[in-house]
Amino acid sequence: LGDLFYTLRRTPQAIEMYDAAAAEDPSRVEI
């Protein structure tokens, strides 16, 4: 979702999704 929102230029929403991903699995470098 972060990648999709970034592509759609909905950047604040992208950051929210990346934040959620990092909270759930901070081992993923792509986040």
PDB file of all heavy atoms in Angstrom:
ATOM      1  N   LEU A   1       0.829  -1.207   0.000  1.00  0.00           N
ATOM      2  CA  LEU A   1       0.000   0.000   0.000  1.00  0.00           C
ATOM      3  C   LEU A   1       0.866   1.261   0.000  1.00  0.00           C
ATOM      4  O   LEU A   1       0.538   2.253  -0.662  1.00  0.00           O
ATOM      5  CB  LEU A   1      -0.928   0.003   1.216  1.00  0.00           C
ATOM      6  CG  LEU A   1      -2.177  -0.867   1.080  1.00  0.00           C
ATOM      7  CD1 LEU A   1      -2.842  -1.061   2.450  1.00  0.00           C
ATOM      8  CD2 LEU A   1      -3.171  -0.236   0.100  1.00  0.00           C
ATOM      9  N   GLY A   2       1.960   1.235   0.756  1.00  0.00           N
ATOM     10  CA  GLY A   2       2.856   2.384   0.726  1.00  0.00           C
ATOM     11  C   GLY A   2       3.366   2.663  -0.667  1.00  0.00           C
ATOM     12  O   GLY A   2       3.373   3.809  -1.140  1.00  0.00           O
ATOM     13  N   ASP A   3       3.789   1.608  -1.370  1.00  0.00           N
ATOM     14  CA  ASP A   3       4.275   1.777  -2.742  1.00  0.00           C
ATOM     15  C   ASP A   3       3.175   2.287  -3.672  1.00  0.00           C
ATOM     16  O   ASP A   3       3.406   3.146  -4.531  1.00  0.00           O
ATOM     17  CB  ASP A   3       4.814   0.450  -3.268  1.00  0.00           C
ATOM     18  CG  ASP A   3       6.065  -0.012  -2.528  1.00  0.00           C
ATOM     19  OD1 ASP A   3       6.695   0.810  -1.844  1.00  0.00           O
ATOM     20  OD2 ASP A   3       6.399  -1.208  -2.641  1.00  0.00           O
ATOM     21  N   LEU A   4       1.980   1.728  -3.506  1.00  0.00           N
ATOM     22  CA  LEU A   4       0.869   2.148  -4.360  1.00  0.00           C
ATOM     23  C   LEU A   4       0.496   3.605  -4.121  1.00  0.00           C
ATOM     24  O   LEU A   4       0.302   4.383  -5.065  1.00  0.00           O
ATOM     25  CB  LEU A   4      -0.345   1.244  -4.125  1.00  0.00           C
ATOM     26  CG  LEU A   4      -0.199  -0.214  -4.584  1.00  0.00           C
ATOM     27  CD1 LEU A   4      -1.333  -1.054  -4.024  1.00  0.00           C
ATOM     28  CD2 LEU A   4      -0.166  -0.313  -6.099  1.00  0.00           C
ATOM     29  N   PHE A   5       0.399   4.007  -2.867  1.00  0.00           N
ATOM     30  CA  PHE A   5       0.064   5.398  -2.556  1.00  0.00           C
ATOM     31  C   PHE A   5       1.169   6.341  -3.029  1.00  0.00           C
ATOM     32  O   PHE A   5       0.885   7.455  -3.497  1.00  0.00           O
ATOM     33  CB  PHE A   5      -0.185   5.574  -1.059  1.00  0.00           C
ATOM     34  CG  PHE A   5      -1.524   5.058  -0.592  1.00  0.00           C
ATOM     35  CD1 PHE A   5      -1.625   4.332   0.587  1.00  0.00           C
ATOM     36  CD2 PHE A   5      -2.681   5.299  -1.305  1.00  0.00           C
ATOM     37  CE1 PHE A   5      -2.853   3.856   1.032  1.00  0.00           C
ATOM     38  CE2 PHE A   5      -3.912   4.830  -0.886  1.00  0.00           C
ATOM     39  CZ  PHE A   5      -4.000   4.107   0.295  1.00  0.00           C
ATOM     40  N   TYR A   6       2.420   5.898  -2.918  1.00  0.00           N
ATOM     41  CA  TYR A   6       3.522   6.718  -3.419  1.00  0.00           C
ATOM     42  C   TYR A   6       3.372   6.932  -4.927  1.00  0.00           C
ATOM     43  O   TYR A   6       3.526   8.046  -5.436  1.00  0.00           O
ATOM     44  CB  TYR A   6       4.855   6.051  -3.107  1.00  0.00           C
ATOM     45  CG  TYR A   6       6.064   6.858  -3.524  1.00  0.00           C
ATOM     46  CD1 TYR A   6       6.687   7.723  -2.644  1.00  0.00           C
ATOM     47  CD2 TYR A   6       6.576   6.752  -4.823  1.00  0.00           C
ATOM     48  CE1 TYR A   6       7.786   8.468  -3.027  1.00  0.00           C
ATOM     49  CE2 TYR A   6       7.667   7.496  -5.219  1.00  0.00           C
ATOM     50  CZ  TYR A   6       8.283   8.354  -4.317  1.00  0.00           C
ATOM     51  OH  TYR A   6       9.363   9.096  -4.722  1.00  0.00           O
ATOM     52  N   THR A   7       3.071   5.861  -5.633  1.00  0.00           N
ATOM     53  CA  THR A   7       2.905   5.963  -7.084  1.00  0.00           C
ATOM     54  C   THR A   7       1.745   6.896  -7.442  1.00  0.00           C
ATOM     55  O   THR A   7       1.810   7.642  -8.425  1.00  0.00           O
ATOM     56  CB  THR A   7       2.662   4.568  -7.679  1.00  0.00           C
ATOM     57  OG1 THR A   7       3.777   3.732  -7.372  1.00  0.00           O
ATOM     58  CG2 THR A   7       2.491   4.631  -9.188  1.00  0.00           C
ATOM     59  N   LEU A   8       0.701   6.863  -6.635  1.00  0.00           N
ATOM     60  CA  LEU A   8      -0.457   7.731  -6.860  1.00  0.00           C
ATOM     61  C   LEU A   8      -0.223   9.156  -6.364  1.00  0.00           C
ATOM     62  O   LEU A   8      -1.128   9.996  -6.468  1.00  0.00           O
ATOM     63  CB  LEU A   8      -1.684   7.149  -6.149  1.00  0.00           C
ATOM     64  CG  LEU A   8      -2.231   5.838  -6.730  1.00  0.00           C
ATOM     65  CD1 LEU A   8      -3.246   5.224  -5.780  1.00  0.00           C
ATOM     66  CD2 LEU A   8      -2.855   6.073  -8.106  1.00  0.00           C
ATOM     67  N   ARG A   9       0.970   9.414  -5.817  1.00  0.00           N
ATOM     68  CA  ARG A   9       1.334  10.714  -5.255  1.00  0.00           C
ATOM     69  C   ARG A   9       0.468  11.086  -4.051  1.00  0.00           C
ATOM     70  O   ARG A   9       0.297  12.249  -3.736  1.00  0.00           O
ATOM     71  CB  ARG A   9       1.323  11.818  -6.318  1.00  0.00           C
ATOM     72  CG  ARG A   9       2.211  11.505  -7.515  1.00  0.00           C
ATOM     73  CD  ARG A   9       2.545  12.745  -8.322  1.00  0.00           C
ATOM     74  NE  ARG A   9       3.464  13.617  -7.615  1.00  0.00           N
ATOM     75  CZ  ARG A   9       4.798  13.497  -7.593  1.00  0.00           C
ATOM     76  NH1 ARG A   9       5.372  12.500  -8.237  1.00  0.00           N
ATOM     77  NH2 ARG A   9       5.544  14.358  -6.925  1.00  0.00           N
ATOM     78  N   ARG A  10      -0.037  10.087  -3.373  1.00  0.00           N
ATOM     79  CA  ARG A  10      -0.733  10.291  -2.096  1.00  0.00           C
ATOM     80  C   ARG A  10       0.290  10.027  -0.995  1.00  0.00           C
ATOM     81  O   ARG A  10       0.235   9.061  -0.246  1.00  0.00           O
ATOM     82  CB  ARG A  10      -1.944   9.367  -2.019  1.00  0.00           C
ATOM     83  CG  ARG A  10      -3.028   9.731  -3.036  1.00  0.00           C
ATOM     84  CD  ARG A  10      -4.004   8.619  -3.338  1.00  0.00           C
ATOM     85  NE  ARG A  10      -4.758   8.164  -2.192  1.00  0.00           N
ATOM     86  CZ  ARG A  10      -5.722   7.238  -2.239  1.00  0.00           C
ATOM     87  NH1 ARG A  10      -6.035   6.690  -3.418  1.00  0.00           N
ATOM     88  NH2 ARG A  10      -6.360   6.857  -1.168  1.00  0.00           N
ATOM     89  N   THR A  11       1.264  10.935  -0.930  1.00  0.00           N
ATOM     90  CA  THR A  11       2.486  10.673  -0.171  1.00  0.00           C
ATOM     91  C   THR A  11       2.264  10.568   1.336  1.00  0.00           C
ATOM     92  O   THR A  11       2.839   9.672   1.980  1.00  0.00           O
ATOM     93  CB  THR A  11       3.548  11.733  -0.508  1.00  0.00           C
ATOM     94  OG1 THR A  11       3.646  11.853  -1.938  1.00  0.00           O
ATOM     95  CG2 THR A  11       4.895  11.337   0.048  1.00  0.00           C
ATOM     96  N   PRO A  12       1.470  11.436   1.972  1.00  0.00           N
ATOM     97  CA  PRO A  12       1.251  11.254   3.417  1.00  0.00           C
ATOM     98  C   PRO A  12       0.635   9.898   3.746  1.00  0.00           C
ATOM     99  O   PRO A  12       1.009   9.275   4.748  1.00  0.00           O
ATOM    100  CB  PRO A  12       0.301  12.398   3.772  1.00  0.00           C
ATOM    101  CG  PRO A  12       0.589  13.459   2.758  1.00  0.00           C
ATOM    102  CD  PRO A  12       0.860  12.694   1.492  1.00  0.00           C
ATOM    103  N   GLN A  13      -0.270   9.413   2.903  1.00  0.00           N
ATOM    104  CA  GLN A  13      -0.840   8.088   3.120  1.00  0.00           C
ATOM    105  C   GLN A  13       0.206   7.001   2.928  1.00  0.00           C
ATOM    106  O   GLN A  13       0.204   5.986   3.633  1.00  0.00           O
ATOM    107  CB  GLN A  13      -2.027   7.850   2.183  1.00  0.00           C
ATOM    108  CG  GLN A  13      -3.257   8.672   2.526  1.00  0.00           C
ATOM    109  CD  GLN A  13      -4.333   8.531   1.466  1.00  0.00           C
ATOM    110  OE1 GLN A  13      -4.260   9.151   0.403  1.00  0.00           O
ATOM    111  NE2 GLN A  13      -5.326   7.711   1.744  1.00  0.00           N
ATOM    112  N   ALA A  14       1.108   7.216   1.972  1.00  0.00           N
ATOM    113  CA  ALA A  14       2.191   6.255   1.776  1.00  0.00           C
ATOM    114  C   ALA A  14       3.019   6.131   3.053  1.00  0.00           C
ATOM    115  O   ALA A  14       3.352   5.027   3.491  1.00  0.00           O
ATOM    116  CB  ALA A  14       3.069   6.681   0.602  1.00  0.00           C
ATOM    117  N   ILE A  15       3.343   7.260   3.661  1.00  0.00           N
ATOM    118  CA  ILE A  15       4.140   7.229   4.887  1.00  0.00           C
ATOM    119  C   ILE A  15       3.395   6.498   5.998  1.00  0.00           C
ATOM    120  O   ILE A  15       3.988   5.711   6.755  1.00  0.00           O
ATOM    121  CB  ILE A  15       4.522   8.660   5.308  1.00  0.00           C
ATOM    122  CG1 ILE A  15       5.530   9.237   4.313  1.00  0.00           C
ATOM    123  CG2 ILE A  15       5.095   8.675   6.731  1.00  0.00           C
ATOM    124  CD1 ILE A  15       5.888  10.686   4.548  1.00  0.00           C
ATOM    125  N   GLU A  16       2.094   6.705   6.096  1.00  0.00           N
ATOM    126  CA  GLU A  16       1.306   5.979   7.100  1.00  0.00           C
ATOM    127  C   GLU A  16       1.421   4.474   6.890  1.00  0.00           C
ATOM    128  O   GLU A  16       1.555   3.702   7.858  1.00  0.00           O
ATOM    129  CB  GLU A  16      -0.159   6.404   7.025  1.00  0.00           C
ATOM    130  CG  GLU A  16      -0.436   7.826   7.497  1.00  0.00           C
ATOM    131  CD  GLU A  16      -1.907   8.174   7.372  1.00  0.00           C
ATOM    132  OE1 GLU A  16      -2.724   7.256   7.151  1.00  0.00           O
ATOM    133  OE2 GLU A  16      -2.234   9.365   7.481  1.00  0.00           O
ATOM    134  N   MET A  17       1.359   4.041   5.655  1.00  0.00           N
ATOM    135  CA  MET A  17       1.451   2.606   5.372  1.00  0.00           C
ATOM    136  C   MET A  17       2.853   2.067   5.673  1.00  0.00           C
ATOM    137  O   MET A  17       3.002   0.967   6.219  1.00  0.00           O
ATOM    138  CB  MET A  17       1.080   2.330   3.913  1.00  0.00           C
ATOM    139  CG  MET A  17      -0.368   2.652   3.555  1.00  0.00           C
ATOM    140  SD  MET A  17      -1.585   1.678   4.512  1.00  0.00           S
ATOM    141  CE  MET A  17      -2.177   2.951   5.658  1.00  0.00           C
ATOM    142  N   TYR A  18       3.875   2.829   5.310  1.00  0.00           N
ATOM    143  CA  TYR A  18       5.234   2.392   5.642  1.00  0.00           C
ATOM    144  C   TYR A  18       5.436   2.331   7.152  1.00  0.00           C
ATOM    145  O   TYR A  18       6.108   1.423   7.656  1.00  0.00           O
ATOM    146  CB  TYR A  18       6.267   3.327   5.005  1.00  0.00           C
ATOM    147  CG  TYR A  18       6.323   3.274   3.499  1.00  0.00           C
ATOM    148  CD1 TYR A  18       6.306   4.450   2.739  1.00  0.00           C
ATOM    149  CD2 TYR A  18       6.421   2.068   2.817  1.00  0.00           C
ATOM    150  CE1 TYR A  18       6.381   4.425   1.357  1.00  0.00           C
ATOM    151  CE2 TYR A  18       6.489   2.024   1.430  1.00  0.00           C
ATOM    152  CZ  TYR A  18       6.467   3.211   0.705  1.00  0.00           C
ATOM    153  OH  TYR A  18       6.534   3.177  -0.666  1.00  0.00           O
ATOM    154  N   ASP A  19       4.870   3.312   7.867  1.00  0.00           N
ATOM    155  CA  ASP A  19       4.964   3.281   9.331  1.00  0.00           C
ATOM    156  C   ASP A  19       4.350   1.990   9.882  1.00  0.00           C
ATOM    157  O   ASP A  19       4.917   1.344  10.768  1.00  0.00           O
ATOM    158  CB  ASP A  19       4.239   4.485   9.936  1.00  0.00           C
ATOM    159  CG  ASP A  19       4.987   5.793   9.741  1.00  0.00           C
ATOM    160  OD1 ASP A  19       6.179   5.760   9.405  1.00  0.00           O
ATOM    161  OD2 ASP A  19       4.361   6.863   9.945  1.00  0.00           O
ATOM    162  N   ALA A  20       3.179   1.641   9.364  1.00  0.00           N
ATOM    163  CA  ALA A  20       2.505   0.429   9.833  1.00  0.00           C
ATOM    164  C   ALA A  20       3.335  -0.810   9.502  1.00  0.00           C
ATOM    165  O   ALA A  20       3.469  -1.717  10.323  1.00  0.00           O
ATOM    166  CB  ALA A  20       1.112   0.324   9.207  1.00  0.00           C
ATOM    167  N   ALA A  21       3.910  -0.840   8.307  1.00  0.00           N
ATOM    168  CA  ALA A  21       4.734  -1.982   7.920  1.00  0.00           C
ATOM    169  C   ALA A  21       5.961  -2.098   8.822  1.00  0.00           C
ATOM    170  O   ALA A  21       6.331  -3.193   9.254  1.00  0.00           O
ATOM    171  CB  ALA A  21       5.162  -1.842   6.461  1.00  0.00           C
ATOM    172  N   ALA A  22       6.594  -0.963   9.131  1.00  0.00           N
ATOM    173  CA  ALA A  22       7.787  -0.988   9.977  1.00  0.00           C
ATOM    174  C   ALA A  22       7.454  -1.450  11.392  1.00  0.00           C
ATOM    175  O   ALA A  22       8.249  -2.149  12.033  1.00  0.00           O
ATOM    176  CB  ALA A  22       8.431   0.390  10.009  1.00  0.00           C
ATOM    177  N   ALA A  23       6.268  -1.078  11.888  1.00  0.00           N
ATOM    178  CA  ALA A  23       5.865  -1.504  13.224  1.00  0.00           C
ATOM    179  C   ALA A  23       5.638  -3.015  13.276  1.00  0.00           C
ATOM    180  O   ALA A  23       5.870  -3.656  14.304  1.00  0.00           O
ATOM    181  CB  ALA A  23       4.595  -0.764  13.639  1.00  0.00           C
ATOM    182  N   GLU A  24       5.195  -3.590  12.149  1.00  0.00           N
ATOM    183  CA  GLU A  24       4.884  -5.022  12.111  1.00  0.00           C
ATOM    184  C   GLU A  24       6.096  -5.888  11.774  1.00  0.00           C
ATOM    185  O   GLU A  24       6.203  -7.018  12.250  1.00  0.00           O
ATOM    186  CB  GLU A  24       3.762  -5.268  11.091  1.00  0.00           C
ATOM    187  CG  GLU A  24       2.425  -4.702  11.555  1.00  0.00           C
ATOM    188  CD  GLU A  24       1.443  -4.478  10.410  1.00  0.00           C
ATOM    189  OE1 GLU A  24       1.893  -4.342   9.248  1.00  0.00           O
ATOM    190  OE2 GLU A  24       0.240  -4.412  10.682  1.00  0.00           O
ATOM    191  N   ASP A  25       7.000  -5.365  10.949  1.00  0.00           N
ATOM    192  CA  ASP A  25       8.158  -6.166  10.550  1.00  0.00           C
ATOM    193  C   ASP A  25       9.321  -5.233  10.226  1.00  0.00           C
ATOM    194  O   ASP A  25       9.559  -4.896   9.056  1.00  0.00           O
ATOM    195  CB  ASP A  25       7.818  -7.031   9.341  1.00  0.00           C
ATOM    196  CG  ASP A  25       8.959  -7.969   8.963  1.00  0.00           C
ATOM    197  OD1 ASP A  25       9.990  -7.959   9.663  1.00  0.00           O
ATOM    198  OD2 ASP A  25       8.833  -8.706   7.968  1.00  0.00           O
ATOM    199  N   PRO A  26      10.067  -4.780  11.234  1.00  0.00           N
ATOM    200  CA  PRO A  26      11.149  -3.813  11.006  1.00  0.00           C
ATOM    201  C   PRO A  26      12.383  -4.405  10.344  1.00  0.00           C
ATOM    202  O   PRO A  26      13.394  -3.713  10.203  1.00  0.00           O
ATOM    203  CB  PRO A  26      11.466  -3.325  12.427  1.00  0.00           C
ATOM    204  CG  PRO A  26      11.079  -4.460  13.309  1.00  0.00           C
ATOM    205  CD  PRO A  26       9.889  -5.092  12.656  1.00  0.00           C
ATOM    206  N   SER A  27      12.311  -5.657   9.909  1.00  0.00           N
ATOM    207  CA  SER A  27      13.463  -6.296   9.273  1.00  0.00           C
ATOM    208  C   SER A  27      13.462  -6.131   7.755  1.00  0.00           C
ATOM    209  O   SER A  27      14.418  -6.557   7.096  1.00  0.00           O
ATOM    210  CB  SER A  27      13.493  -7.787   9.614  1.00  0.00           C
ATOM    211  OG  SER A  27      12.408  -8.477   8.990  1.00  0.00           O
ATOM    212  N   ARG A  28      12.423  -5.525   7.189  1.00  0.00           N
ATOM    213  CA  ARG A  28      12.320  -5.422   5.730  1.00  0.00           C
ATOM    214  C   ARG A  28      12.933  -4.117   5.251  1.00  0.00           C
ATOM    215  O   ARG A  28      12.412  -3.025   5.492  1.00  0.00           O
ATOM    216  CB  ARG A  28      10.862  -5.520   5.271  1.00  0.00           C
ATOM    217  CG  ARG A  28      10.219  -6.857   5.605  1.00  0.00           C
ATOM    218  CD  ARG A  28       8.933  -7.060   4.843  1.00  0.00           C
ATOM    219  NE  ARG A  28       9.158  -7.113   3.402  1.00  0.00           N
ATOM    220  CZ  ARG A  28       8.417  -7.824   2.565  1.00  0.00           C
ATOM    221  NH1 ARG A  28       7.398  -8.543   3.019  1.00  0.00           N
ATOM    222  NH2 ARG A  28       8.660  -7.827   1.276  1.00  0.00           N
ATOM    223  N   VAL A  29      14.046  -4.230   4.539  1.00  0.00           N
ATOM    224  CA  VAL A  29      14.773  -3.052   4.102  1.00  0.00           C
ATOM    225  C   VAL A  29      13.939  -2.204   3.145  1.00  0.00           C
ATOM    226  O   VAL A  29      14.046  -0.973   3.124  1.00  0.00           O
ATOM    227  CB  VAL A  29      16.112  -3.469   3.459  1.00  0.00           C
ATOM    228  CG1 VAL A  29      15.893  -4.264   2.189  1.00  0.00           C
ATOM    229  CG2 VAL A  29      16.992  -2.269   3.203  1.00  0.00           C
ATOM    230  N   GLU A  30      13.063  -2.853   2.349  1.00  0.00           N
ATOM    231  CA  GLU A  30      12.259  -2.104   1.368  1.00  0.00           C
ATOM    232  C   GLU A  30      11.347  -1.078   2.030  1.00  0.00           C
ATOM    233  O   GLU A  30      11.024  -0.053   1.425  1.00  0.00           O
ATOM    234  CB  GLU A  30      11.414  -3.068   0.535  1.00  0.00           C
ATOM    235  CG  GLU A  30      12.205  -4.070  -0.274  1.00  0.00           C
ATOM    236  CD  GLU A  30      12.426  -5.368   0.490  1.00  0.00           C
ATOM    237  OE1 GLU A  30      12.193  -5.390   1.714  1.00  0.00           O
ATOM    238  OE2 GLU A  30      12.825  -6.358  -0.152  1.00  0.00           O
ATOM    239  N   ILE A  31      10.912  -1.350   3.249  1.00  0.00           N
ATOM    240  CA  ILE A  31      10.047  -0.403   3.959  1.00  0.00           C
ATOM    241  C   ILE A  31      10.775   0.927   4.139  1.00  0.00           C
ATOM    242  O   ILE A  31      10.212   2.000   3.883  1.00  0.00           O
ATOM    243  CB  ILE A  31       9.632  -0.972   5.332  1.00  0.00           C
ATOM    244  CG1 ILE A  31       8.774  -2.227   5.164  1.00  0.00           C
ATOM    245  CG2 ILE A  31       8.893   0.088   6.156  1.00  0.00           C
ATOM    246  CD1 ILE A  31       8.549  -2.995   6.455  1.00  0.00           C
TER     247      ILE A  31
END
